[in-house]
N, C-alpha and C. Protein backbone atom coordinates (compact mmCIF):
# COMPACT_ATOMS: atom_id res chain seq x y z
N UNK A 1 0.83 -1.19 0.00
CA UNK A 1 0.00 0.00 0.00
C UNK A 1 0.88 1.25 0.00
N UNK A 2 1.84 1.29 0.88
CA UNK A 2 2.70 2.47 0.95
C UNK A 2 3.53 2.62 -0.32
N UNK A 3 3.96 1.50 -0.88
CA UNK A 3 4.76 1.56 -2.10
C UNK A 3 3.96 2.12 -3.26
N UNK A 4 2.69 1.78 -3.33
CA UNK A 4 1.84 2.29 -4.41
C UNK A 4 1.64 3.79 -4.26
N UNK A 5 1.55 4.26 -3.04
CA UNK A 5 1.38 5.70 -2.81
C UNK A 5 2.66 6.45 -3.15
N UNK A 6 3.81 5.86 -2.87
CA UNK A 6 5.09 6.53 -3.14
C UNK A 6 5.33 6.73 -4.64
N UNK A 7 4.77 5.87 -5.47
CA UNK A 7 4.98 5.97 -6.91
C UNK A 7 4.29 7.19 -7.54
N UNK A 8 3.38 7.82 -6.86
CA UNK A 8 2.58 8.90 -7.43
C UNK A 8 3.16 10.29 -7.20
N UNK A 9 4.37 10.38 -6.69
CA UNK A 9 5.05 11.67 -6.49
C UNK A 9 4.22 12.65 -5.67
N UNK A 10 3.75 12.19 -4.52
CA UNK A 10 2.98 13.05 -3.62
C UNK A 10 3.89 13.58 -2.52
N UNK A 11 3.45 14.62 -1.87
CA UNK A 11 4.21 15.14 -0.74
C UNK A 11 4.07 14.16 0.42
N UNK A 12 5.04 14.19 1.32
CA UNK A 12 4.97 13.27 2.48
C UNK A 12 3.69 13.45 3.30
N UNK A 13 3.22 14.66 3.44
CA UNK A 13 1.99 14.90 4.21
C UNK A 13 0.79 14.27 3.51
N UNK A 14 0.74 14.41 2.17
CA UNK A 14 -0.37 13.81 1.42
C UNK A 14 -0.30 12.29 1.48
N UNK A 15 0.93 11.75 1.38
CA UNK A 15 1.08 10.30 1.47
C UNK A 15 0.58 9.77 2.81
N UNK A 16 0.99 10.47 3.87
CA UNK A 16 0.59 10.05 5.21
C UNK A 16 -0.93 10.12 5.36
N UNK A 17 -1.52 11.16 4.82
CA UNK A 17 -2.96 11.33 4.92
C UNK A 17 -3.69 10.21 4.16
N UNK A 18 -3.19 9.88 2.97
CA UNK A 18 -3.81 8.82 2.17
C UNK A 18 -3.68 7.47 2.87
N UNK A 19 -2.52 7.19 3.43
CA UNK A 19 -2.31 5.92 4.13
C UNK A 19 -3.24 5.83 5.34
N UNK A 20 -3.35 6.92 6.07
CA UNK A 20 -4.25 6.91 7.23
C UNK A 20 -5.70 6.72 6.82
N UNK A 21 -6.12 7.35 5.72
CA UNK A 21 -7.49 7.17 5.24
C UNK A 21 -7.76 5.73 4.81
N UNK A 22 -6.78 5.12 4.16
CA UNK A 22 -6.94 3.72 3.74
C UNK A 22 -7.02 2.80 4.96
N UNK A 23 -6.16 3.04 5.95
CA UNK A 23 -6.21 2.24 7.18
C UNK A 23 -7.55 2.40 7.88
N UNK A 24 -8.04 3.64 7.92
CA UNK A 24 -9.34 3.89 8.54
C UNK A 24 -10.46 3.17 7.78
N UNK A 25 -10.38 3.17 6.46
CA UNK A 25 -11.37 2.48 5.63
C UNK A 25 -11.35 0.98 5.89
N UNK A 26 -10.15 0.41 6.01
CA UNK A 26 -10.03 -1.03 6.30
C UNK A 26 -10.63 -1.34 7.67
N UNK A 27 -10.36 -0.50 8.65
CA UNK A 27 -10.91 -0.69 9.99
C UNK A 27 -12.43 -0.64 9.97
N UNK A 28 -12.98 0.33 9.26
CA UNK A 28 -14.44 0.44 9.18
C UNK A 28 -15.05 -0.77 8.49
N UNK A 29 -14.41 -1.26 7.45
CA UNK A 29 -14.93 -2.45 6.76
C UNK A 29 -14.91 -3.68 7.67
N UNK A 30 -13.88 -3.82 8.49
CA UNK A 30 -13.83 -4.93 9.44
C UNK A 30 -14.94 -4.80 10.47
N UNK A 31 -15.18 -3.59 10.96
CA UNK A 31 -16.26 -3.38 11.93
C UNK A 31 -17.62 -3.70 11.32
N UNK A 32 -17.82 -3.30 10.08
CA UNK A 32 -19.07 -3.59 9.40
C UNK A 32 -19.27 -5.10 9.25
N UNK A 33 -18.21 -5.81 8.90
CA UNK A 33 -18.30 -7.27 8.79
C UNK A 33 -18.68 -7.90 10.12
N UNK A 34 -18.06 -7.43 11.21
CA UNK A 34 -18.41 -7.96 12.53
C UNK A 34 -19.86 -7.64 12.88
N UNK A 35 -20.32 -6.45 12.55
CA UNK A 35 -21.69 -6.06 12.83
C UNK A 35 -22.68 -6.95 12.07
N UNK A 36 -22.40 -7.23 10.82
CA UNK A 36 -23.27 -8.10 10.03
C UNK A 36 -23.31 -9.49 10.64
N UNK A 37 -22.17 -9.99 11.07
CA UNK A 37 -22.12 -11.30 11.72
C UNK A 37 -22.95 -11.31 13.00
N UNK A 38 -22.81 -10.28 13.81
CA UNK A 38 -23.58 -10.21 15.05
C UNK A 38 -25.07 -10.08 14.77
N UNK A 39 -25.46 -9.34 13.75
CA UNK A 39 -26.87 -9.24 13.40
C UNK A 39 -27.44 -10.59 13.00
N UNK A 40 -26.67 -11.37 12.23
CA UNK A 40 -27.14 -12.70 11.85
C UNK A 40 -27.27 -13.61 13.07
N UNK A 41 -26.29 -13.56 13.98
CA UNK A 41 -26.38 -14.37 15.19
C UNK A 41 -27.56 -13.95 16.05
N UNK A 42 -27.82 -12.65 16.15
CA UNK A 42 -28.93 -12.16 16.95
C UNK A 42 -30.26 -12.60 16.34
N UNK A 43 -30.33 -12.65 15.02
CA UNK A 43 -31.55 -13.12 14.35
C UNK A 43 -31.82 -14.57 14.74
N UNK A 44 -30.79 -15.40 14.73
CA UNK A 44 -30.95 -16.80 15.12
C UNK A 44 -31.28 -16.93 16.60
N UNK A 45 -30.75 -16.04 17.43
CA UNK A 45 -31.06 -16.06 18.85
C UNK A 45 -32.55 -15.81 19.04
N UNK A 46 -33.12 -14.88 18.28
CA UNK A 46 -34.55 -14.63 18.39
C UNK A 46 -35.36 -15.86 17.99
N UNK A 47 -34.93 -16.54 16.95
CA UNK A 47 -35.63 -17.75 16.51
C UNK A 47 -35.62 -18.79 17.62
N UNK A 48 -34.51 -18.95 18.33
CA UNK A 48 -34.42 -19.93 19.41
C UNK A 48 -35.12 -19.44 20.68
N UNK A 49 -35.15 -18.16 20.91
CA UNK A 49 -35.68 -17.61 22.15
C UNK A 49 -37.20 -17.56 22.16
N UNK A 50 -37.82 -17.31 21.05
CA UNK A 50 -39.28 -17.15 20.99
C UNK A 50 -40.04 -18.36 21.51
N UNK A 51 -39.73 -19.59 21.13
CA UNK A 51 -40.47 -20.73 21.68
C UNK A 51 -40.33 -20.84 23.20
N UNK A 52 -39.15 -20.55 23.73
CA UNK A 52 -38.97 -20.60 25.18
C UNK A 52 -39.83 -19.54 25.87
N UNK A 53 -39.90 -18.36 25.31
CA UNK A 53 -40.71 -17.30 25.90
C UNK A 53 -42.19 -17.68 25.89
N UNK A 54 -42.66 -18.28 24.81
CA UNK A 54 -44.07 -18.69 24.73
C UNK A 54 -44.36 -19.79 25.74
N UNK A 55 -43.46 -20.76 25.87
CA UNK A 55 -43.64 -21.84 26.85
C UNK A 55 -43.68 -21.26 28.26
N UNK A 56 -42.80 -20.33 28.57
CA UNK A 56 -42.80 -19.71 29.90
C UNK A 56 -44.09 -18.95 30.17
N UNK A 57 -44.63 -18.29 29.16
CA UNK A 57 -45.89 -17.58 29.32
C UNK A 57 -47.03 -18.56 29.61
N UNK A 58 -47.06 -19.66 28.89
CA UNK A 58 -48.10 -20.67 29.12
C UNK A 58 -47.98 -21.26 30.52
N UNK A 59 -46.75 -21.55 30.95
CA UNK A 59 -46.54 -22.09 32.30
C UNK A 59 -47.00 -21.10 33.35
N UNK A 60 -46.73 -19.81 33.14
CA UNK A 60 -47.16 -18.79 34.11
C UNK A 60 -48.68 -18.73 34.20
N UNK A 61 -49.35 -18.77 33.06
CA UNK A 61 -50.82 -18.72 33.06
C UNK A 61 -51.38 -19.95 33.77
N UNK A 62 -50.82 -21.12 33.50
CA UNK A 62 -51.28 -22.34 34.18
C UNK A 62 -51.03 -22.23 35.68
N UNK A 63 -49.88 -21.72 36.06
CA UNK A 63 -49.54 -21.57 37.48
C UNK A 63 -50.54 -20.65 38.19
N UNK A 64 -50.84 -19.53 37.60
CA UNK A 64 -51.79 -18.59 38.21
C UNK A 64 -53.18 -19.22 38.28
N UNK A 65 -53.59 -19.91 37.23
CA UNK A 65 -54.91 -20.55 37.22
C UNK A 65 -55.01 -21.62 38.31
N UNK A 66 -53.97 -22.42 38.48
CA UNK A 66 -53.99 -23.47 39.50
C UNK A 66 -54.05 -22.86 40.90
N UNK A 67 -53.30 -21.80 41.14
CA UNK A 67 -53.33 -21.19 42.47
C UNK A 67 -54.70 -20.59 42.76
N UNK A 68 -55.34 -20.01 41.76
CA UNK A 68 -56.68 -19.44 41.98
C UNK A 68 -57.69 -20.56 42.22
N UNK A 69 -57.62 -21.63 41.44
CA UNK A 69 -58.55 -22.75 41.58
C UNK A 69 -58.39 -23.42 42.94
N UNK A 70 -57.18 -23.56 43.43
CA UNK A 70 -56.94 -24.22 44.71
C UNK A 70 -57.19 -23.30 45.90
N UNK A 71 -57.52 -22.05 45.66
CA UNK A 71 -57.93 -21.15 46.73
C UNK A 71 -56.81 -20.47 47.48
N UNK A 72 -55.65 -20.35 46.91
CA UNK A 72 -54.58 -19.62 47.58
C UNK A 72 -54.93 -18.14 47.65
N UNK A 73 -54.52 -17.49 48.73
CA UNK A 73 -54.81 -16.07 48.92
C UNK A 73 -53.53 -15.27 48.81
N UNK A 74 -53.65 -14.05 48.36
CA UNK A 74 -52.52 -13.13 48.29
C UNK A 74 -52.22 -12.65 49.71
N UNK A 75 -50.98 -12.83 50.19
CA UNK A 75 -50.68 -12.54 51.58
C UNK A 75 -50.09 -11.15 51.79
N UNK A 76 -49.87 -10.40 50.76
CA UNK A 76 -49.27 -9.08 50.94
C UNK A 76 -50.29 -7.99 50.83
């Protein structure tokens, strides 16, 4: 990368600026790739999590119904 910039007869300040911009661009592209990976993993987490949440909701409703049917009282 630096060798390609040196061939264009630029001033040292311009070369340094270009190299820094390219490094920054590479860093941003890596971050974007990680973000896309995390978004895909989070999508799969939702697919796995939803059935568990529904089962827990059903268990809670059954639990409340059983306590009401058996005559438990709220003590607080």
